[in-house]
Amino acid sequence: IDGVSARLAAVSRMRAHSKKEATQEIANTPHRF
């Protein structure tokens, strides 16, 4: 679903650029809380 896929990609980017290492580690699983 395009709208959902774009949101998951945005979550991944946000987490990858976080200053917190723990947040960076969950960038590859953006669908999980």
PDB file of all heavy atoms in Angstrom:
ATOM      1  N   ILE A   1       0.865  -1.184   0.000  1.00  0.00           N
ATOM      2  CA  ILE A   1       0.000   0.000   0.000  1.00  0.00           C
ATOM      3  C   ILE A   1       0.897   1.229   0.000  1.00  0.00           C
ATOM      4  O   ILE A   1       1.667   1.455   0.942  1.00  0.00           O
ATOM      5  CB  ILE A   1      -0.920   0.003   1.242  1.00  0.00           C
ATOM      6  CG1 ILE A   1      -1.770  -1.269   1.278  1.00  0.00           C
ATOM      7  CG2 ILE A   1      -1.796   1.245   1.266  1.00  0.00           C
ATOM      8  CD1 ILE A   1      -2.569  -1.442   2.562  1.00  0.00           C
ATOM      9  N   ASP A   2       0.828   2.031  -1.050  1.00  0.00           N
ATOM     10  CA  ASP A   2       1.762   3.154  -1.220  1.00  0.00           C
ATOM     11  C   ASP A   2       1.814   4.074  -0.002  1.00  0.00           C
ATOM     12  O   ASP A   2       2.889   4.421   0.489  1.00  0.00           O
ATOM     13  CB  ASP A   2       1.374   3.971  -2.458  1.00  0.00           C
ATOM     14  CG  ASP A   2       1.621   3.206  -3.752  1.00  0.00           C
ATOM     15  OD1 ASP A   2       2.392   2.225  -3.704  1.00  0.00           O
ATOM     16  OD2 ASP A   2       1.039   3.583  -4.782  1.00  0.00           O
ATOM     17  N   GLY A   3       0.642   4.484   0.503  1.00  0.00           N
ATOM     18  CA  GLY A   3       0.602   5.405   1.636  1.00  0.00           C
ATOM     19  C   GLY A   3       1.259   4.826   2.873  1.00  0.00           C
ATOM     20  O   GLY A   3       1.947   5.529   3.626  1.00  0.00           O
ATOM     21  N   VAL A   4       1.071   3.532   3.072  1.00  0.00           N
ATOM     22  CA  VAL A   4       1.663   2.867   4.245  1.00  0.00           C
ATOM     23  C   VAL A   4       3.156   2.674   4.035  1.00  0.00           C
ATOM     24  O   VAL A   4       3.967   2.906   4.947  1.00  0.00           O
ATOM     25  CB  VAL A   4       0.970   1.515   4.509  1.00  0.00           C
ATOM     26  CG1 VAL A   4       1.684   0.766   5.647  1.00  0.00           C
ATOM     27  CG2 VAL A   4      -0.504   1.739   4.857  1.00  0.00           C
ATOM     28  N   SER A   5       3.556   2.264   2.847  1.00  0.00           N
ATOM     29  CA  SER A   5       4.971   2.041   2.541  1.00  0.00           C
ATOM     30  C   SER A   5       5.785   3.309   2.755  1.00  0.00           C
ATOM     31  O   SER A   5       6.885   3.274   3.322  1.00  0.00           O
ATOM     32  CB  SER A   5       5.115   1.562   1.092  1.00  0.00           C
ATOM     33  OG  SER A   5       6.477   1.344   0.779  1.00  0.00           O
ATOM     34  N   ALA A   6       5.240   4.452   2.322  1.00  0.00           N
ATOM     35  CA  ALA A   6       5.940   5.733   2.498  1.00  0.00           C
ATOM     36  C   ALA A   6       6.106   6.068   3.978  1.00  0.00           C
ATOM     37  O   ALA A   6       7.146   6.600   4.396  1.00  0.00           O
ATOM     38  CB  ALA A   6       5.178   6.841   1.783  1.00  0.00           C
ATOM     39  N   ARG A   7       5.102   5.762   4.772  1.00  0.00           N
ATOM     40  CA  ARG A   7       5.174   6.036   6.208  1.00  0.00           C
ATOM     41  C   ARG A   7       6.239   5.161   6.887  1.00  0.00           C
ATOM     42  O   ARG A   7       6.988   5.626   7.744  1.00  0.00           O
ATOM     43  CB  ARG A   7       3.813   5.799   6.864  1.00  0.00           C
ATOM     44  CG  ARG A   7       2.796   6.875   6.540  1.00  0.00           C
ATOM     45  CD  ARG A   7       1.413   6.551   7.087  1.00  0.00           C
ATOM     46  NE  ARG A   7       0.490   7.659   6.877  1.00  0.00           N
ATOM     47  CZ  ARG A   7       0.338   8.694   7.699  1.00  0.00           C
ATOM     48  NH1 ARG A   7       1.047   8.742   8.819  1.00  0.00           N
ATOM     49  NH2 ARG A   7      -0.513   9.659   7.421  1.00  0.00           N
ATOM     50  N   LEU A   8       6.320   3.911   6.498  1.00  0.00           N
ATOM     51  CA  LEU A   8       7.319   3.015   7.081  1.00  0.00           C
ATOM     52  C   LEU A   8       8.731   3.487   6.715  1.00  0.00           C
ATOM     53  O   LEU A   8       9.648   3.451   7.552  1.00  0.00           O
ATOM     54  CB  LEU A   8       7.098   1.586   6.597  1.00  0.00           C
ATOM     55  CG  LEU A   8       5.798   0.914   7.065  1.00  0.00           C
ATOM     56  CD1 LEU A   8       5.684  -0.488   6.466  1.00  0.00           C
ATOM     57  CD2 LEU A   8       5.728   0.849   8.583  1.00  0.00           C
ATOM     58  N   ALA A   9       8.902   3.953   5.491  1.00  0.00           N
ATOM     59  CA  ALA A   9      10.209   4.468   5.072  1.00  0.00           C
ATOM     60  C   ALA A   9      10.589   5.699   5.894  1.00  0.00           C
ATOM     61  O   ALA A   9      11.750   5.879   6.271  1.00  0.00           O
ATOM     62  CB  ALA A   9      10.190   4.812   3.583  1.00  0.00           C
ATOM     63  N   ALA A  10       9.593   6.552   6.186  1.00  0.00           N
ATOM     64  CA  ALA A  10       9.842   7.755   6.983  1.00  0.00           C
ATOM     65  C   ALA A  10      10.221   7.397   8.420  1.00  0.00           C
ATOM     66  O   ALA A  10      11.087   8.026   9.030  1.00  0.00           O
ATOM     67  CB  ALA A  10       8.612   8.658   6.967  1.00  0.00           C
ATOM     68  N   VAL A  11       9.581   6.361   8.964  1.00  0.00           N
ATOM     69  CA  VAL A  11       9.934   5.892  10.314  1.00  0.00           C
ATOM     70  C   VAL A  11      11.379   5.409  10.332  1.00  0.00           C
ATOM     71  O   VAL A  11      12.155   5.732  11.244  1.00  0.00           O
ATOM     72  CB  VAL A  11       8.996   4.755  10.772  1.00  0.00           C
ATOM     73  CG1 VAL A  11       9.465   4.183  12.106  1.00  0.00           C
ATOM     74  CG2 VAL A  11       7.565   5.253  10.893  1.00  0.00           C
ATOM     75  N   SER A  12      11.740   4.642   9.307  1.00  0.00           N
ATOM     76  CA  SER A  12      13.099   4.103   9.228  1.00  0.00           C
ATOM     77  C   SER A  12      14.137   5.216   9.192  1.00  0.00           C
ATOM     78  O   SER A  12      15.150   5.167   9.897  1.00  0.00           O
ATOM     79  CB  SER A  12      13.224   3.201   7.992  1.00  0.00           C
ATOM     80  OG  SER A  12      14.481   2.573   7.960  1.00  0.00           O
ATOM     81  N   ARG A  13      13.876   6.256   8.383  1.00  0.00           N
ATOM     82  CA  ARG A  13      14.812   7.378   8.290  1.00  0.00           C
ATOM     83  C   ARG A  13      14.909   8.125   9.620  1.00  0.00           C
ATOM     84  O   ARG A  13      16.003   8.477  10.063  1.00  0.00           O
ATOM     85  CB  ARG A  13      14.357   8.340   7.187  1.00  0.00           C
ATOM     86  CG  ARG A  13      14.567   7.831   5.770  1.00  0.00           C
ATOM     87  CD  ARG A  13      14.412   8.948   4.752  1.00  0.00           C
ATOM     88  NE  ARG A  13      13.075   9.539   4.803  1.00  0.00           N
ATOM     89  CZ  ARG A  13      12.036   9.099   4.102  1.00  0.00           C
ATOM     90  NH1 ARG A  13      12.163   8.037   3.306  1.00  0.00           N
ATOM     91  NH2 ARG A  13      10.858   9.704   4.176  1.00  0.00           N
ATOM     92  N   MET A  14      13.767   8.371  10.229  1.00  0.00           N
ATOM     93  CA  MET A  14      13.754   9.100  11.499  1.00  0.00           C
ATOM     94  C   MET A  14      14.568   8.371  12.562  1.00  0.00           C
ATOM     95  O   MET A  14      15.383   8.960  13.281  1.00  0.00           O
ATOM     96  CB  MET A  14      12.290   9.287  11.952  1.00  0.00           C
ATOM     97  CG  MET A  14      12.120   9.854  13.350  1.00  0.00           C
ATOM     98  SD  MET A  14      11.900   8.520  14.575  1.00  0.00           S
ATOM     99  CE  MET A  14      12.274   9.405  16.075  1.00  0.00           C
ATOM    100  N   ARG A  15      14.368   7.056  12.651  1.00  0.00           N
ATOM    101  CA  ARG A  15      15.080   6.277  13.663  1.00  0.00           C
ATOM    102  C   ARG A  15      16.578   6.191  13.348  1.00  0.00           C
ATOM    103  O   ARG A  15      17.414   6.280  14.248  1.00  0.00           O
ATOM    104  CB  ARG A  15      14.473   4.873  13.758  1.00  0.00           C
ATOM    105  CG  ARG A  15      13.078   4.867  14.361  1.00  0.00           C
ATOM    106  CD  ARG A  15      12.475   3.462  14.383  1.00  0.00           C
ATOM    107  NE  ARG A  15      11.160   3.455  15.020  1.00  0.00           N
ATOM    108  CZ  ARG A  15      10.379   2.368  15.129  1.00  0.00           C
ATOM    109  NH1 ARG A  15      10.804   1.203  14.626  1.00  0.00           N
ATOM    110  NH2 ARG A  15       9.210   2.449  15.721  1.00  0.00           N
ATOM    111  N   ALA A  16      16.917   6.059  12.083  1.00  0.00           N
ATOM    112  CA  ALA A  16      18.332   5.947  11.686  1.00  0.00           C
ATOM    113  C   ALA A  16      19.108   7.215  12.013  1.00  0.00           C
ATOM    114  O   ALA A  16      20.307   7.165  12.311  1.00  0.00           O
ATOM    115  CB  ALA A  16      18.433   5.631  10.204  1.00  0.00           C
ATOM    116  N   HIS A  17      18.441   8.361  11.970  1.00  0.00           N
ATOM    117  CA  HIS A  17      19.111   9.633  12.224  1.00  0.00           C
ATOM    118  C   HIS A  17      18.998  10.081  13.684  1.00  0.00           C
ATOM    119  O   HIS A  17      19.430  11.177  14.037  1.00  0.00           O
ATOM    120  CB  HIS A  17      18.541  10.719  11.317  1.00  0.00           C
ATOM    121  CG  HIS A  17      18.930  10.556   9.883  1.00  0.00           C
ATOM    122  ND1 HIS A  17      18.162   9.869   8.969  1.00  0.00           N
ATOM    123  CD2 HIS A  17      20.030  10.967   9.195  1.00  0.00           C
ATOM    124  CE1 HIS A  17      18.747   9.868   7.780  1.00  0.00           C
ATOM    125  NE2 HIS A  17      19.889  10.532   7.891  1.00  0.00           N
ATOM    126  N   SER A  18      18.447   9.236  14.521  1.00  0.00           N
ATOM    127  CA  SER A  18      18.329   9.581  15.942  1.00  0.00           C
ATOM    128  C   SER A  18      19.702   9.621  16.607  1.00  0.00           C
ATOM    129  O   SER A  18      20.635   8.912  16.206  1.00  0.00           O
ATOM    130  CB  SER A  18      17.450   8.552  16.659  1.00  0.00           C
ATOM    131  OG  SER A  18      17.469   8.771  18.058  1.00  0.00           O
ATOM    132  N   LYS A  19      19.818  10.445  17.636  1.00  0.00           N
ATOM    133  CA  LYS A  19      21.067  10.514  18.397  1.00  0.00           C
ATOM    134  C   LYS A  19      21.200   9.336  19.367  1.00  0.00           C
ATOM    135  O   LYS A  19      22.286   9.055  19.862  1.00  0.00           O
ATOM    136  CB  LYS A  19      21.122  11.830  19.181  1.00  0.00           C
ATOM    137  CG  LYS A  19      21.211  13.065  18.288  1.00  0.00           C
ATOM    138  CD  LYS A  19      21.256  14.331  19.124  1.00  0.00           C
ATOM    139  CE  LYS A  19      21.333  15.569  18.230  1.00  0.00           C
ATOM    140  NZ  LYS A  19      21.378  16.816  19.023  1.00  0.00           N
ATOM    141  N   LYS A  20      20.077   8.661  19.613  1.00  0.00           N
ATOM    142  CA  LYS A  20      20.089   7.534  20.543  1.00  0.00           C
ATOM    143  C   LYS A  20      20.437   6.242  19.801  1.00  0.00           C
ATOM    144  O   LYS A  20      19.805   5.892  18.805  1.00  0.00           O
ATOM    145  CB  LYS A  20      18.733   7.384  21.227  1.00  0.00           C
ATOM    146  CG  LYS A  20      18.374   8.552  22.136  1.00  0.00           C
ATOM    147  CD  LYS A  20      17.048   8.295  22.831  1.00  0.00           C
ATOM    148  CE  LYS A  20      16.683   9.432  23.764  1.00  0.00           C
ATOM    149  NZ  LYS A  20      15.382   9.204  24.443  1.00  0.00           N
ATOM    150  N   GLU A  21      21.417   5.543  20.321  1.00  0.00           N
ATOM    151  CA  GLU A  21      21.853   4.298  19.672  1.00  0.00           C
ATOM    152  C   GLU A  21      20.739   3.253  19.674  1.00  0.00           C
ATOM    153  O   GLU A  21      20.558   2.519  18.701  1.00  0.00           O
ATOM    154  CB  GLU A  21      23.086   3.758  20.401  1.00  0.00           C
ATOM    155  CG  GLU A  21      23.720   2.563  19.713  1.00  0.00           C
ATOM    156  CD  GLU A  21      24.996   2.111  20.397  1.00  0.00           C
ATOM    157  OE1 GLU A  21      25.661   2.957  21.042  1.00  0.00           O
ATOM    158  OE2 GLU A  21      25.331   0.913  20.297  1.00  0.00           O
ATOM    159  N   ALA A  22      19.978   3.217  20.778  1.00  0.00           N
ATOM    160  CA  ALA A  22      18.899   2.228  20.876  1.00  0.00           C
ATOM    161  C   ALA A  22      17.840   2.469  19.801  1.00  0.00           C
ATOM    162  O   ALA A  22      17.256   1.514  19.264  1.00  0.00           O
ATOM    163  CB  ALA A  22      18.259   2.286  22.259  1.00  0.00           C
ATOM    164  N   THR A  23      17.585   3.736  19.483  1.00  0.00           N
ATOM    165  CA  THR A  23      16.607   4.061  18.437  1.00  0.00           C
ATOM    166  C   THR A  23      17.150   3.693  17.066  1.00  0.00           C
ATOM    167  O   THR A  23      16.423   3.183  16.204  1.00  0.00           O
ATOM    168  CB  THR A  23      16.247   5.554  18.496  1.00  0.00           C
ATOM    169  OG1 THR A  23      15.742   5.874  19.799  1.00  0.00           O
ATOM    170  CG2 THR A  23      15.197   5.897  17.454  1.00  0.00           C
ATOM    171  N   GLN A  24      18.433   3.938  16.846  1.00  0.00           N
ATOM    172  CA  GLN A  24      19.059   3.579  15.570  1.00  0.00           C
ATOM    173  C   GLN A  24      18.950   2.077  15.302  1.00  0.00           C
ATOM    174  O   GLN A  24      18.765   1.645  14.162  1.00  0.00           O
ATOM    175  CB  GLN A  24      20.534   3.990  15.572  1.00  0.00           C
ATOM    176  CG  GLN A  24      20.773   5.492  15.658  1.00  0.00           C
ATOM    177  CD  GLN A  24      22.236   5.828  15.861  1.00  0.00           C
ATOM    178  OE1 GLN A  24      23.112   4.995  15.651  1.00  0.00           O
ATOM    179  NE2 GLN A  24      22.504   7.050  16.289  1.00  0.00           N
ATOM    180  N   GLU A  25      19.041   1.283  16.356  1.00  0.00           N
ATOM    181  CA  GLU A  25      19.033  -0.173  16.215  1.00  0.00           C
ATOM    182  C   GLU A  25      17.693  -0.716  15.732  1.00  0.00           C
ATOM    183  O   GLU A  25      17.624  -1.848  15.248  1.00  0.00           O
ATOM    184  CB  GLU A  25      19.416  -0.814  17.552  1.00  0.00           C
ATOM    185  CG  GLU A  25      20.875  -0.578  17.931  1.00  0.00           C
ATOM    186  CD  GLU A  25      21.204  -1.115  19.320  1.00  0.00           C
ATOM    187  OE1 GLU A  25      20.265  -1.591  20.000  1.00  0.00           O
ATOM    188  OE2 GLU A  25      22.386  -1.061  19.710  1.00  0.00           O
ATOM    189  N   ILE A  26      16.610   0.069  15.877  1.00  0.00           N
ATOM    190  CA  ILE A  26      15.295  -0.429  15.439  1.00  0.00           C
ATOM    191  C   ILE A  26      14.854   0.224  14.127  1.00  0.00           C
ATOM    192  O   ILE A  26      13.684   0.129  13.741  1.00  0.00           O
ATOM    193  CB  ILE A  26      14.222  -0.206  16.532  1.00  0.00           C
ATOM    194  CG1 ILE A  26      14.115   1.281  16.900  1.00  0.00           C
ATOM    195  CG2 ILE A  26      14.531  -1.038  17.759  1.00  0.00           C
ATOM    196  CD1 ILE A  26      12.941   1.579  17.830  1.00  0.00           C
ATOM    197  N   ALA A  27      15.795   0.875  13.448  1.00  0.00           N
ATOM    198  CA  ALA A  27      15.470   1.522  12.168  1.00  0.00           C
ATOM    199  C   ALA A  27      15.058   0.506  11.102  1.00  0.00           C
ATOM    200  O   ALA A  27      14.274   0.812  10.199  1.00  0.00           O
ATOM    201  CB  ALA A  27      16.660   2.339  11.681  1.00  0.00           C
ATOM    202  N   ASN A  28      15.581  -0.713  11.206  1.00  0.00           N
ATOM    203  CA  ASN A  28      15.296  -1.741  10.187  1.00  0.00           C
ATOM    204  C   ASN A  28      13.962  -2.455  10.416  1.00  0.00           C
ATOM    205  O   ASN A  28      13.559  -3.295   9.609  1.00  0.00           O
ATOM    206  CB  ASN A  28      16.432  -2.767  10.142  1.00  0.00           C
ATOM    207  CG  ASN A  28      17.720  -2.162   9.619  1.00  0.00           C
ATOM    208  OD1 ASN A  28      17.689  -1.259   8.785  1.00  0.00           O
ATOM    209  ND2 ASN A  28      18.857  -2.649  10.106  1.00  0.00           N
ATOM    210  N   THR A  29      13.294  -2.131  11.510  1.00  0.00           N
ATOM    211  CA  THR A  29      11.972  -2.723  11.769  1.00  0.00           C
ATOM    212  C   THR A  29      10.975  -1.587  12.034  1.00  0.00           C
ATOM    213  O   THR A  29      10.423  -1.463  13.131  1.00  0.00           O
ATOM    214  CB  THR A  29      12.012  -3.679  12.983  1.00  0.00           C
ATOM    215  OG1 THR A  29      12.583  -2.962  14.109  1.00  0.00           O
ATOM    216  CG2 THR A  29      12.825  -4.910  12.681  1.00  0.00           C
ATOM    217  N   PRO A  30      10.743  -0.737  11.040  1.00  0.00           N
ATOM    218  CA  PRO A  30       9.904   0.454  11.239  1.00  0.00           C
ATOM    219  C   PRO A  30       8.445   0.150  11.538  1.00  0.00           C
ATOM    220  O   PRO A  30       7.728   1.012  12.041  1.00  0.00           O
ATOM    221  CB  PRO A  30      10.045   1.203   9.906  1.00  0.00           C
ATOM    222  CG  PRO A  30      10.365   0.138   8.909  1.00  0.00           C
ATOM    223  CD  PRO A  30      11.223  -0.840   9.638  1.00  0.00           C
ATOM    224  N   HIS A  31       7.989  -1.082  11.235  1.00  0.00           N
ATOM    225  CA  HIS A  31       6.594  -1.428  11.506  1.00  0.00           C
ATOM    226  C   HIS A  31       6.361  -1.780  12.965  1.00  0.00           C
ATOM    227  O   HIS A  31       5.209  -1.882  13.407  1.00  0.00           O
ATOM    228  CB  HIS A  31       6.168  -2.604  10.624  1.00  0.00           C
ATOM    229  CG  HIS A  31       6.894  -3.874  10.937  1.00  0.00           C
ATOM    230  ND1 HIS A  31       8.259  -4.026  10.721  1.00  0.00           N
ATOM    231  CD2 HIS A  31       6.451  -5.065  11.465  1.00  0.00           C
ATOM    232  CE1 HIS A  31       8.626  -5.251  11.085  1.00  0.00           C
ATOM    233  NE2 HIS A  31       7.543  -5.896  11.529  1.00  0.00           N
ATOM    234  N   ARG A  32       7.439  -1.973  13.702  1.00  0.00           N
ATOM    235  CA  ARG A  32       7.306  -2.334  15.114  1.00  0.00           C
ATOM    236  C   ARG A  32       7.410  -1.090  15.987  1.00  0.00           C
ATOM    237  O   ARG A  32       8.184  -0.182  15.694  1.00  0.00           O
ATOM    238  CB  ARG A  32       8.400  -3.326  15.531  1.00  0.00           C
ATOM    239  CG  ARG A  32       8.314  -4.659  14.826  1.00  0.00           C
ATOM    240  CD  ARG A  32       9.434  -5.555  15.296  1.00  0.00           C
ATOM    241  NE  ARG A  32       9.490  -6.815  14.543  1.00  0.00           N
ATOM    242  CZ  ARG A  32      10.487  -7.686  14.634  1.00  0.00           C
ATOM    243  NH1 ARG A  32      11.533  -7.426  15.434  1.00  0.00           N
ATOM    244  NH2 ARG A  32      10.466  -8.799  13.915  1.00  0.00           N
ATOM    245  N   PHE A  33       6.643  -1.070  17.084  1.00  0.00           N
ATOM    246  CA  PHE A  33       6.746   0.024  18.040  1.00  0.00           C
ATOM    247  C   PHE A  33       8.076  -0.082  18.774  1.00  0.00           C
ATOM    248  O   PHE A  33       8.685  -1.161  18.843  1.00  0.00           O
ATOM    249  CB  PHE A  33       5.599  -0.023  19.054  1.00  0.00           C
ATOM    250  CG  PHE A  33       4.233   0.074  18.431  1.00  0.00           C
ATOM    251  CD1 PHE A  33       3.128  -0.506  19.053  1.00  0.00           C
ATOM    252  CD2 PHE A  33       4.033   0.755  17.246  1.00  0.00           C
ATOM    253  CE1 PHE A  33       1.867  -0.420  18.493  1.00  0.00           C
ATOM    254  CE2 PHE A  33       2.767   0.846  16.671  1.00  0.00           C
ATOM    255  CZ  PHE A  33       1.684   0.252  17.294  1.00  0.00           C
TER     256      PHE A  33
END
